Amino acid sequence: MKLQTAQRKRAKIKMGLQGPSGSGKTYSSLLIANGLCDDWSKVAVVDSENHSADLYAHLGAYQVLPLSAPFSPERYIQAIHTCEQAGMEVIILDSVTHEWENLIDTHASMTGNSFTNWSKITPRHNAFIQRILQSTCHIICTVRTKQDYTLVERNGRMIPEKVGLKSVQRDGLEYEFTLTFDLDIKNNATASKDRTGLFYGKPEQRLSVETGKLIKDWCEGGSVITVDEISERIGSCLSMDELLTLYKMFPQYQELLEIQKDESDNSNLN
């Protein structure tokens, strides 16, 4: 254990776009994805929204992985793996609301103590979140929000306007992301969570390809992690789970990590 100077490393963005139906979550995600990699063939949409991703095929030749019920965490995890294996650079999970609704339904159907049953549900959800965070790709998650109407004055008249409220996902999901945008029914976005420092506190805006390019520049602005730093991190690992996390985070060093993993396995056998 030792102190070291803080230093930002190059990263893959993990971000959320949340808003009511019609706020432009899918369309905005695609534009950002194009800005992130500038190659439509490297963008994949995991579509649980009844083929809504196909509506924007005019934008470019991106890939679509249709996802049908049951929308279990395990199926989303497999979908992420499939996209990674296919060489995708950006994965859009449209939407992760279905994953949480699936778990809510599963919990409701379980017999016995409700509190105890959550101890069986929560690890499955946490595994899904960790798979997103550990992915070697940029990942954009769209999240539905509950809808309501508010009265807005226009030209002296009160007109009802649809607004998004609480997101339909587990509480605290937005804290897992590096960046979260809230979209309104006019397709305007504001950053409710922003570790990049690029958007928080800025006026509402339309998300675009340029937004994706800004995020890409931020991701690539950190320093490159070295072999020595990876070796040092390996030495500080206290469990196989920590080694596996490193293995997934740094694919360019997986050969080194595989050797260390094998040595650890052999040590455990002895």
C-alpha atoms as a PDB file:
ATOM      1  CA  MET A   1       0.000   0.000   0.000  1.00  0.00           C
ATOM      2  CA  LYS A   2       1.434   3.364  -1.013  1.00  0.00           C
ATOM      3  CA  LEU A   3       0.319   6.861  -1.988  1.00  0.00           C
ATOM      4  CA  GLN A   4       0.671   7.980  -5.591  1.00  0.00           C
ATOM      5  CA  THR A   5      -0.056  11.144  -7.517  1.00  0.00           C
ATOM      6  CA  ALA A   6      -3.520  11.218  -9.080  1.00  0.00           C
ATOM      7  CA  GLN A   7      -3.382  10.833 -12.850  1.00  0.00           C
ATOM      8  CA  ARG A   8      -6.265  10.411 -15.273  1.00  0.00           C
ATOM      9  CA  LYS A   9      -5.930   7.485 -17.663  1.00  0.00           C
ATOM     10  CA  ARG A  10      -7.496   7.099 -21.070  1.00  0.00           C
ATOM     11  CA  ALA A  11     -11.017   5.827 -20.674  1.00  0.00           C
ATOM     12  CA  LYS A  12     -14.072   4.449 -22.410  1.00  0.00           C
ATOM     13  CA  ILE A  13     -17.123   6.552 -21.685  1.00  0.00           C
ATOM     14  CA  LYS A  14     -19.961   4.968 -19.734  1.00  0.00           C
ATOM     15  CA  MET A  15     -22.914   7.304 -19.971  1.00  0.00           C
ATOM     16  CA  GLY A  16     -26.674   7.485 -19.587  1.00  0.00           C
ATOM     17  CA  LEU A  17     -29.391   9.303 -21.535  1.00  0.00           C
ATOM     18  CA  GLN A  18     -32.652   9.478 -19.640  1.00  0.00           C
ATOM     19  CA  GLY A  19     -35.954  11.023 -20.642  1.00  0.00           C
ATOM     20  CA  PRO A  20     -39.626  10.390 -21.421  1.00  0.00           C
ATOM     21  CA  SER A  21     -40.901   8.717 -24.560  1.00  0.00           C
ATOM     22  CA  GLY A  22     -40.315  10.967 -27.562  1.00  0.00           C
ATOM     23  CA  SER A  23     -37.410  12.873 -26.031  1.00  0.00           C
ATOM     24  CA  GLY A  24     -34.938  11.557 -28.622  1.00  0.00           C
ATOM     25  CA  LYS A  25     -32.899   9.115 -26.544  1.00  0.00           C
ATOM     26  CA  THR A  26     -32.203   6.629 -29.356  1.00  0.00           C
ATOM     27  CA  TYR A  27     -31.515   9.260 -32.010  1.00  0.00           C
ATOM     28  CA  SER A  28     -29.241  11.277 -29.706  1.00  0.00           C
ATOM     29  CA  SER A  29     -27.368   8.124 -28.698  1.00  0.00           C
ATOM     30  CA  LEU A  30     -26.645   7.302 -32.322  1.00  0.00           C
ATOM     31  CA  LEU A  31     -25.312  10.790 -33.049  1.00  0.00           C
ATOM     32  CA  ILE A  32     -23.036  10.673 -30.002  1.00  0.00           C
ATOM     33  CA  ALA A  33     -21.867   7.183 -30.979  1.00  0.00           C
ATOM     34  CA  ASN A  34     -20.861   8.407 -34.422  1.00  0.00           C
ATOM     35  CA  GLY A  35     -18.881  11.218 -32.857  1.00  0.00           C
ATOM     36  CA  LEU A  36     -17.133   8.750 -30.568  1.00  0.00           C
ATOM     37  CA  CYS A  37     -15.799   6.468 -33.305  1.00  0.00           C
ATOM     38  CA  ASP A  38     -16.553   8.094 -36.698  1.00  0.00           C
ATOM     39  CA  ASP A  39     -17.423   4.687 -38.138  1.00  0.00           C
ATOM     40  CA  TRP A  40     -21.041   3.567 -38.239  1.00  0.00           C
ATOM     41  CA  SER A  41     -20.024  -0.057 -38.772  1.00  0.00           C
ATOM     42  CA  LYS A  42     -18.434  -0.032 -35.296  1.00  0.00           C
ATOM     43  CA  VAL A  43     -21.646   1.103 -33.565  1.00  0.00           C
ATOM     44  CA  ALA A  44     -24.070  -1.508 -32.209  1.00  0.00           C
ATOM     45  CA  VAL A  45     -27.531  -0.969 -30.736  1.00  0.00           C
ATOM     46  CA  VAL A  46     -28.851  -3.615 -28.363  1.00  0.00           C
ATOM     47  CA  ASP A  47     -32.510  -2.929 -29.093  1.00  0.00           C
ATOM     48  CA  SER A  48     -35.159  -3.930 -26.560  1.00  0.00           C
ATOM     49  CA  GLU A  49     -37.481  -1.162 -27.774  1.00  0.00           C
ATOM     50  CA  ASN A  50     -39.378  -3.174 -30.400  1.00  0.00           C
ATOM     51  CA  HIS A  51     -37.040  -2.386 -33.318  1.00  0.00           C
ATOM     52  CA  SER A  52     -37.015   1.369 -32.712  1.00  0.00           C
ATOM     53  CA  ALA A  53     -33.317   1.474 -33.660  1.00  0.00           C
ATOM     54  CA  ASP A  54     -34.217   0.555 -37.239  1.00  0.00           C
ATOM     55  CA  LEU A  55     -36.089   3.853 -37.617  1.00  0.00           C
ATOM     56  CA  TYR A  56     -32.805   5.742 -37.984  1.00  0.00           C
ATOM     57  CA  ALA A  57     -31.101   3.486 -40.532  1.00  0.00           C
ATOM     58  CA  HIS A  58     -30.723   6.523 -42.811  1.00  0.00           C
ATOM     59  CA  LEU A  59     -27.999   7.827 -40.515  1.00  0.00           C
ATOM     60  CA  GLY A  60     -25.534   5.088 -41.382  1.00  0.00           C
ATOM     61  CA  ALA A  61     -24.847   1.354 -41.525  1.00  0.00           C
ATOM     62  CA  TYR A  62     -24.732   0.698 -37.785  1.00  0.00           C
ATOM     63  CA  GLN A  63     -25.358  -2.766 -36.332  1.00  0.00           C
ATOM     64  CA  VAL A  64     -28.504  -3.815 -34.449  1.00  0.00           C
ATOM     65  CA  LEU A  65     -28.867  -6.680 -31.995  1.00  0.00           C
ATOM     66  CA  PRO A  66     -32.611  -7.154 -31.328  1.00  0.00           C
ATOM     67  CA  LEU A  67     -33.323  -8.238 -27.758  1.00  0.00           C
ATOM     68  CA  SER A  68     -36.636  -9.872 -26.918  1.00  0.00           C
ATOM     69  CA  ALA A  69     -38.158 -10.927 -23.609  1.00  0.00           C
ATOM     70  CA  PRO A  70     -37.164 -12.064 -21.075  1.00  0.00           C
ATOM     71  CA  PHE A  71     -35.007  -8.976 -20.521  1.00  0.00           C
ATOM     72  CA  SER A  72     -32.855 -10.542 -17.832  1.00  0.00           C
ATOM     73  CA  PRO A  73     -29.513  -9.076 -16.702  1.00  0.00           C
ATOM     74  CA  GLU A  74     -27.822 -12.184 -18.028  1.00  0.00           C
ATOM     75  CA  ARG A  75     -29.168 -11.617 -21.555  1.00  0.00           C
ATOM     76  CA  TYR A  76     -27.903  -8.032 -21.540  1.00  0.00           C
ATOM     77  CA  ILE A  77     -24.507  -9.261 -20.346  1.00  0.00           C
ATOM     78  CA  GLN A  78     -24.414 -11.762 -23.206  1.00  0.00           C
ATOM     79  CA  ALA A  79     -25.403  -9.040 -25.666  1.00  0.00           C
ATOM     80  CA  ILE A  80     -22.502  -6.857 -24.517  1.00  0.00           C
ATOM     81  CA  HIS A  81     -20.129  -9.805 -24.938  1.00  0.00           C
ATOM     82  CA  THR A  82     -21.468 -10.475 -28.445  1.00  0.00           C
ATOM     83  CA  CYS A  83     -20.881  -6.854 -29.471  1.00  0.00           C
ATOM     84  CA  GLU A  84     -17.365  -6.849 -28.061  1.00  0.00           C
ATOM     85  CA  GLN A  85     -16.492 -10.076 -29.850  1.00  0.00           C
ATOM     86  CA  ALA A  86     -17.756  -8.548 -33.101  1.00  0.00           C
ATOM     87  CA  GLY A  87     -15.270  -5.679 -32.762  1.00  0.00           C
ATOM     88  CA  MET A  88     -17.743  -2.926 -31.918  1.00  0.00           C
ATOM     89  CA  GLU A  89     -16.374   0.312 -30.483  1.00  0.00           C
ATOM     90  CA  VAL A  90     -19.633   1.807 -29.197  1.00  0.00           C
ATOM     91  CA  ILE A  91     -22.531  -0.148 -27.689  1.00  0.00           C
ATOM     92  CA  ILE A  92     -25.919   1.483 -27.146  1.00  0.00           C
ATOM     93  CA  LEU A  93     -28.167  -0.338 -24.674  1.00  0.00           C
ATOM     94  CA  ASP A  94     -31.622   0.869 -25.683  1.00  0.00           C
ATOM     95  CA  SER A  95     -32.982   0.632 -23.080  1.00  0.00           C
ATOM     96  CA  VAL A  96     -31.764  -0.601 -19.691  1.00  0.00           C
ATOM     97  CA  THR A  97     -35.188   0.111 -18.199  1.00  0.00           C
ATOM     98  CA  HIS A  98     -36.337  -3.311 -19.384  1.00  0.00           C
ATOM     99  CA  GLU A  99     -33.613  -5.006 -17.330  1.00  0.00           C
ATOM    100  CA  TRP A 100     -34.876  -3.424 -14.109  1.00  0.00           C
ATOM    101  CA  GLU A 101     -38.535  -4.064 -14.934  1.00  0.00           C
ATOM    102  CA  ASN A 102     -37.648  -7.723 -15.500  1.00  0.00           C
ATOM    103  CA  LEU A 103     -36.094  -7.941 -12.034  1.00  0.00           C
ATOM    104  CA  ILE A 104     -39.055  -6.173 -10.445  1.00  0.00           C
ATOM    105  CA  ASP A 105     -41.401  -8.701 -12.048  1.00  0.00           C
ATOM    106  CA  THR A 106     -39.163 -11.577 -10.958  1.00  0.00           C
ATOM    107  CA  HIS A 107     -39.139 -10.309  -7.382  1.00  0.00           C
ATOM    108  CA  ALA A 108     -42.914  -9.924  -7.363  1.00  0.00           C
ATOM    109  CA  SER A 109     -43.361 -13.544  -8.454  1.00  0.00           C
ATOM    110  CA  MET A 110     -41.111 -14.942  -5.722  1.00  0.00           C
ATOM    111  CA  THR A 111     -42.582 -16.505  -2.614  1.00  0.00           C
ATOM    112  CA  GLY A 112     -41.287 -15.997   0.885  1.00  0.00           C
ATOM    113  CA  ASN A 113     -39.758 -13.003   2.603  1.00  0.00           C
ATOM    114  CA  SER A 114     -39.582  -9.947   0.324  1.00  0.00           C
ATOM    115  CA  PHE A 115     -36.417  -8.576   1.941  1.00  0.00           C
ATOM    116  CA  THR A 116     -34.634 -11.927   1.707  1.00  0.00           C
ATOM    117  CA  ASN A 117     -35.663 -12.275  -1.921  1.00  0.00           C
ATOM    118  CA  TRP A 118     -33.881  -9.026  -2.788  1.00  0.00           C
ATOM    119  CA  SER A 119     -30.629 -10.670  -1.704  1.00  0.00           C
ATOM    120  CA  LYS A 120     -31.087 -12.978  -4.690  1.00  0.00           C
ATOM    121  CA  ILE A 121     -32.037 -10.231  -7.126  1.00  0.00           C
ATOM    122  CA  THR A 122     -29.457  -7.566  -6.271  1.00  0.00           C
ATOM    123  CA  PRO A 123     -26.326  -9.602  -7.201  1.00  0.00           C
ATOM    124  CA  ARG A 124     -27.767 -10.192 -10.681  1.00  0.00           C
ATOM    125  CA  HIS A 125     -28.347  -6.468 -11.189  1.00  0.00           C
ATOM    126  CA  ASN A 126     -24.910  -5.606  -9.797  1.00  0.00           C
ATOM    127  CA  ALA A 127     -23.277  -8.080 -12.200  1.00  0.00           C
ATOM    128  CA  PHE A 128     -25.017  -6.301 -15.082  1.00  0.00           C
ATOM    129  CA  ILE A 129     -23.797  -2.877 -13.941  1.00  0.00           C
ATOM    130  CA  GLN A 130     -20.250  -4.131 -13.442  1.00  0.00           C
ATOM    131  CA  ARG A 131     -20.274  -5.661 -16.928  1.00  0.00           C
ATOM    132  CA  ILE A 132     -21.114  -2.238 -18.342  1.00  0.00           C
ATOM    133  CA  LEU A 133     -18.391  -0.510 -16.345  1.00  0.00           C
ATOM    134  CA  GLN A 134     -15.754  -3.090 -17.236  1.00  0.00           C
ATOM    135  CA  SER A 135     -16.512  -3.217 -20.934  1.00  0.00           C
ATOM    136  CA  THR A 136     -13.722  -2.408 -23.370  1.00  0.00           C
ATOM    137  CA  CYS A 137     -16.220  -0.388 -25.440  1.00  0.00           C
ATOM    138  CA  HIS A 138     -17.869   2.971 -25.026  1.00  0.00           C
ATOM    139  CA  ILE A 139     -21.357   2.249 -23.671  1.00  0.00           C
ATOM    140  CA  ILE A 140     -24.408   4.514 -23.845  1.00  0.00           C
ATOM    141  CA  CYS A 141     -27.444   3.445 -21.827  1.00  0.00           C
ATOM    142  CA  THR A 142     -30.858   4.919 -22.504  1.00  0.00           C
ATOM    143  CA  VAL A 143     -33.255   5.047 -19.552  1.00  0.00           C
ATOM    144  CA  ARG A 144     -36.968   5.721 -19.620  1.00  0.00           C
ATOM    145  CA  THR A 145     -38.367   8.206 -17.138  1.00  0.00           C
ATOM    146  CA  LYS A 146     -41.835   8.242 -15.655  1.00  0.00           C
ATOM    147  CA  GLN A 147     -44.010  10.807 -17.386  1.00  0.00           C
ATOM    148  CA  ASP A 148     -46.295  13.513 -16.093  1.00  0.00           C
ATOM    149  CA  TYR A 149     -47.760  16.750 -17.350  1.00  0.00           C
ATOM    150  CA  THR A 150     -47.206  20.254 -16.091  1.00  0.00           C
ATOM    151  CA  LEU A 151     -48.977  23.477 -17.048  1.00  0.00           C
ATOM    152  CA  VAL A 152     -46.796  25.993 -18.886  1.00  0.00           C
ATOM    153  CA  GLU A 153     -47.850  29.550 -19.733  1.00  0.00           C
ATOM    154  CA  ARG A 154     -47.566  30.496 -23.398  1.00  0.00           C
ATOM    155  CA  ASN A 155     -48.947  33.693 -24.841  1.00  0.00           C
ATOM    156  CA  GLY A 156     -51.149  34.167 -21.824  1.00  0.00           C
ATOM    157  CA  ARG A 157     -52.571  30.636 -21.968  1.00  0.00           C
ATOM    158  CA  MET A 158     -51.812  27.627 -19.760  1.00  0.00           C
ATOM    159  CA  ILE A 159     -50.835  24.660 -21.931  1.00  0.00           C
ATOM    160  CA  PRO A 160     -50.077  21.116 -20.656  1.00  0.00           C
ATOM    161  CA  GLU A 161     -46.547  19.929 -21.439  1.00  0.00           C
ATOM    162  CA  LYS A 162     -45.155  16.409 -20.993  1.00  0.00           C
ATOM    163  CA  VAL A 163     -42.161  16.157 -18.667  1.00  0.00           C
ATOM    164  CA  GLY A 164     -39.956  13.323 -17.480  1.00  0.00           C
ATOM    165  CA  LEU A 165     -39.673  12.589 -13.795  1.00  0.00           C
ATOM    166  CA  LYS A 166     -37.880   9.771 -11.987  1.00  0.00           C
ATOM    167  CA  SER A 167     -35.932   7.300 -14.128  1.00  0.00           C
ATOM    168  CA  VAL A 168     -37.297   3.757 -14.402  1.00  0.00           C
ATOM    169  CA  GLN A 169     -34.246   1.942 -13.101  1.00  0.00           C
ATOM    170  CA  ARG A 170     -32.744   1.166  -9.743  1.00  0.00           C
ATOM    171  CA  ASP A 171     -32.107   4.238  -7.596  1.00  0.00           C
ATOM    172  CA  GLY A 172     -28.568   5.541  -7.924  1.00  0.00           C
ATOM    173  CA  LEU A 173     -27.863   4.181 -11.393  1.00  0.00           C
ATOM    174  CA  GLU A 174     -26.781   7.617 -12.625  1.00  0.00           C
ATOM    175  CA  TYR A 175     -23.948   7.642 -10.078  1.00  0.00           C
ATOM    176  CA  GLU A 176     -22.352   4.665 -11.826  1.00  0.00           C
ATOM    177  CA  PHE A 177     -21.911   6.630 -15.054  1.00  0.00           C
ATOM    178  CA  THR A 178     -19.227   9.132 -15.934  1.00  0.00           C
ATOM    179  CA  LEU A 179     -21.822  11.282 -17.697  1.00  0.00           C
ATOM    180  CA  THR A 180     -25.628  11.458 -17.584  1.00  0.00           C
ATOM    181  CA  PHE A 181     -27.868  13.637 -19.734  1.00  0.00           C
ATOM    182  CA  ASP A 182     -31.525  14.378 -19.004  1.00  0.00           C
ATOM    183  CA  LEU A 183     -33.603  14.954 -22.146  1.00  0.00           C
ATOM    184  CA  ASP A 184     -36.937  16.762 -22.313  1.00  0.00           C
ATOM    185  CA  ILE A 185     -39.741  16.331 -24.810  1.00  0.00           C
ATOM    186  CA  LYS A 186     -38.212  19.045 -27.020  1.00  0.00           C
ATOM    187  CA  ASN A 187     -35.019  16.963 -27.334  1.00  0.00           C
ATOM    188  CA  ASN A 188     -33.031  19.426 -25.230  1.00  0.00           C
ATOM    189  CA  ALA A 189     -30.413  17.900 -22.931  1.00  0.00           C
ATOM    190  CA  THR A 190     -28.869  19.017 -19.650  1.00  0.00           C
ATOM    191  CA  ALA A 191     -26.121  17.196 -17.769  1.00  0.00           C
ATOM    192  CA  SER A 192     -27.272  15.961 -14.364  1.00  0.00           C
ATOM    193  CA  LYS A 193     -24.016  14.076 -13.718  1.00  0.00           C
ATOM    194  CA  ASP A 194     -20.728  15.012 -15.360  1.00  0.00           C
ATOM    195  CA  ARG A 195     -17.267  13.880 -14.314  1.00  0.00           C
ATOM    196  CA  THR A 196     -15.814  15.152 -17.565  1.00  0.00           C
ATOM    197  CA  GLY A 197     -16.485  18.794 -16.672  1.00  0.00           C
ATOM    198  CA  LEU A 198     -17.544  19.456 -20.273  1.00  0.00           C
ATOM    199  CA  PHE A 199     -21.283  19.933 -19.854  1.00  0.00           C
ATOM    200  CA  TYR A 200     -22.329  20.421 -16.235  1.00  0.00           C
ATOM    201  CA  GLY A 201     -23.815  23.831 -15.554  1.00  0.00           C
ATOM    202  CA  LYS A 202     -23.975  24.638 -19.262  1.00  0.00           C
ATOM    203  CA  PRO A 203     -27.241  25.732 -20.985  1.00  0.00           C
ATOM    204  CA  GLU A 204     -29.476  23.011 -22.384  1.00  0.00           C
ATOM    205  CA  GLN A 205     -28.438  21.819 -25.809  1.00  0.00           C
ATOM    206  CA  ARG A 206     -29.269  19.402 -28.600  1.00  0.00           C
ATOM    207  CA  LEU A 207     -26.985  16.374 -28.518  1.00  0.00           C
ATOM    208  CA  SER A 208     -25.081  15.828 -31.752  1.00  0.00           C
ATOM    209  CA  VAL A 209     -22.093  14.227 -33.431  1.00  0.00           C
ATOM    210  CA  GLU A 210     -20.034  17.129 -32.090  1.00  0.00           C
ATOM    211  CA  THR A 211     -21.076  16.165 -28.561  1.00  0.00           C
ATOM    212  CA  GLY A 212     -19.633  12.725 -29.205  1.00  0.00           C
ATOM    213  CA  LYS A 213     -16.398  14.216 -30.518  1.00  0.00           C
ATOM    214  CA  LEU A 214     -15.989  16.330 -27.382  1.00  0.00           C
ATOM    215  CA  ILE A 215     -16.469  13.247 -25.228  1.00  0.00           C
ATOM    216  CA  LYS A 216     -14.002  11.285 -27.372  1.00  0.00           C
ATOM    217  CA  ASP A 217     -11.355  14.001 -26.953  1.00  0.00           C
ATOM    218  CA  TRP A 218     -11.857  13.880 -23.194  1.00  0.00           C
ATOM    219  CA  CYS A 219     -11.578  10.086 -23.137  1.00  0.00           C
ATOM    220  CA  GLU A 220      -8.347  10.145 -25.112  1.00  0.00           C
ATOM    221  CA  GLY A 221      -6.881  13.080 -23.198  1.00  0.00           C
ATOM    222  CA  GLY A 222      -5.593  10.974 -20.332  1.00  0.00           C
ATOM    223  CA  SER A 223      -2.212   9.309 -20.173  1.00  0.00           C
ATOM    224  CA  VAL A 224      -1.604   5.806 -21.484  1.00  0.00           C
ATOM    225  CA  ILE A 225      -1.224   3.177 -18.772  1.00  0.00           C
ATOM    226  CA  THR A 226       2.114   1.354 -18.958  1.00  0.00           C
ATOM    227  CA  VAL A 227       3.157  -2.274 -18.498  1.00  0.00           C
ATOM    228  CA  ASP A 228       4.955  -1.331 -15.263  1.00  0.00           C
ATOM    229  CA  GLU A 229       1.781   0.225 -13.885  1.00  0.00           C
ATOM    230  CA  ILE A 230      -0.230  -2.864 -14.804  1.00  0.00           C
ATOM    231  CA  SER A 231       2.375  -5.104 -13.158  1.00  0.00           C
ATOM    232  CA  GLU A 232       2.189  -2.978 -10.024  1.00  0.00           C
ATOM    233  CA  ARG A 233      -1.615  -3.235  -9.986  1.00  0.00           C
ATOM    234  CA  ILE A 234      -1.351  -7.013 -10.412  1.00  0.00           C
ATOM    235  CA  GLY A 235       0.948  -7.156  -7.412  1.00  0.00           C
ATOM    236  CA  SER A 236      -1.570  -5.307  -5.274  1.00  0.00           C
ATOM    237  CA  CYS A 237      -4.494  -7.592  -6.186  1.00  0.00           C
ATOM    238  CA  LEU A 238      -5.791  -9.490  -3.179  1.00  0.00           C
ATOM    239  CA  SER A 239      -8.246 -11.800  -4.920  1.00  0.00           C
ATOM    240  CA  MET A 240      -9.014 -13.532  -8.198  1.00  0.00           C
ATOM    241  CA  ASP A 241     -11.965 -11.166  -8.675  1.00  0.00           C
ATOM    242  CA  GLU A 242      -9.612  -8.167  -8.659  1.00  0.00           C
ATOM    243  CA  LEU A 243      -7.392  -9.847 -11.251  1.00  0.00           C
ATOM    244  CA  LEU A 244     -10.390 -10.574 -13.461  1.00  0.00           C
ATOM    245  CA  THR A 245     -11.470  -6.946 -13.220  1.00  0.00           C
ATOM    246  CA  LEU A 246      -8.051  -5.811 -14.461  1.00  0.00           C
ATOM    247  CA  TYR A 247      -8.205  -8.439 -17.214  1.00  0.00           C
ATOM    248  CA  LYS A 248     -11.440  -6.944 -18.524  1.00  0.00           C
ATOM    249  CA  MET A 249     -10.414  -3.296 -18.112  1.00  0.00           C
ATOM    250  CA  PHE A 250      -7.133  -3.546 -20.047  1.00  0.00           C
ATOM    251  CA  PRO A 251      -7.488  -5.939 -23.003  1.00  0.00           C
ATOM    252  CA  GLN A 252      -4.182  -4.774 -24.480  1.00  0.00           C
ATOM    253  CA  TYR A 253      -2.400  -6.381 -21.514  1.00  0.00           C
ATOM    254  CA  GLN A 254      -4.450  -9.563 -21.286  1.00  0.00           C
ATOM    255  CA  GLU A 255      -1.479 -11.808 -22.117  1.00  0.00           C
ATOM    256  CA  LEU A 256       0.406 -10.458 -19.107  1.00  0.00           C
ATOM    257  CA  LEU A 257      -2.685 -10.743 -16.948  1.00  0.00           C
ATOM    258  CA  GLU A 258      -3.357 -14.297 -18.155  1.00  0.00           C
ATOM    259  CA  ILE A 259       0.123 -15.350 -17.032  1.00  0.00           C
ATOM    260  CA  GLN A 260      -0.457 -13.808 -13.613  1.00  0.00           C
ATOM    261  CA  LYS A 261      -3.887 -15.471 -13.395  1.00  0.00           C
ATOM    262  CA  ASP A 262      -2.384 -18.900 -14.193  1.00  0.00           C
ATOM    263  CA  GLU A 263       0.326 -18.399 -11.574  1.00  0.00           C
ATOM    264  CA  SER A 264      -2.338 -17.482  -9.046  1.00  0.00           C
ATOM    265  CA  ASP A 265      -4.395 -20.577  -9.929  1.00  0.00           C
ATOM    266  CA  ASN A 266      -1.340 -22.801  -9.529  1.00  0.00           C
ATOM    267  CA  SER A 267      -0.509 -21.186  -6.204  1.00  0.00           C
ATOM    268  CA  ASN A 268      -4.012 -21.893  -4.937  1.00  0.00           C
ATOM    269  CA  LEU A 269      -3.685 -25.534  -5.993  1.00  0.00           C
ATOM    270  CA  ASN A 270      -0.459 -25.852  -4.033  1.00  0.00           C
END
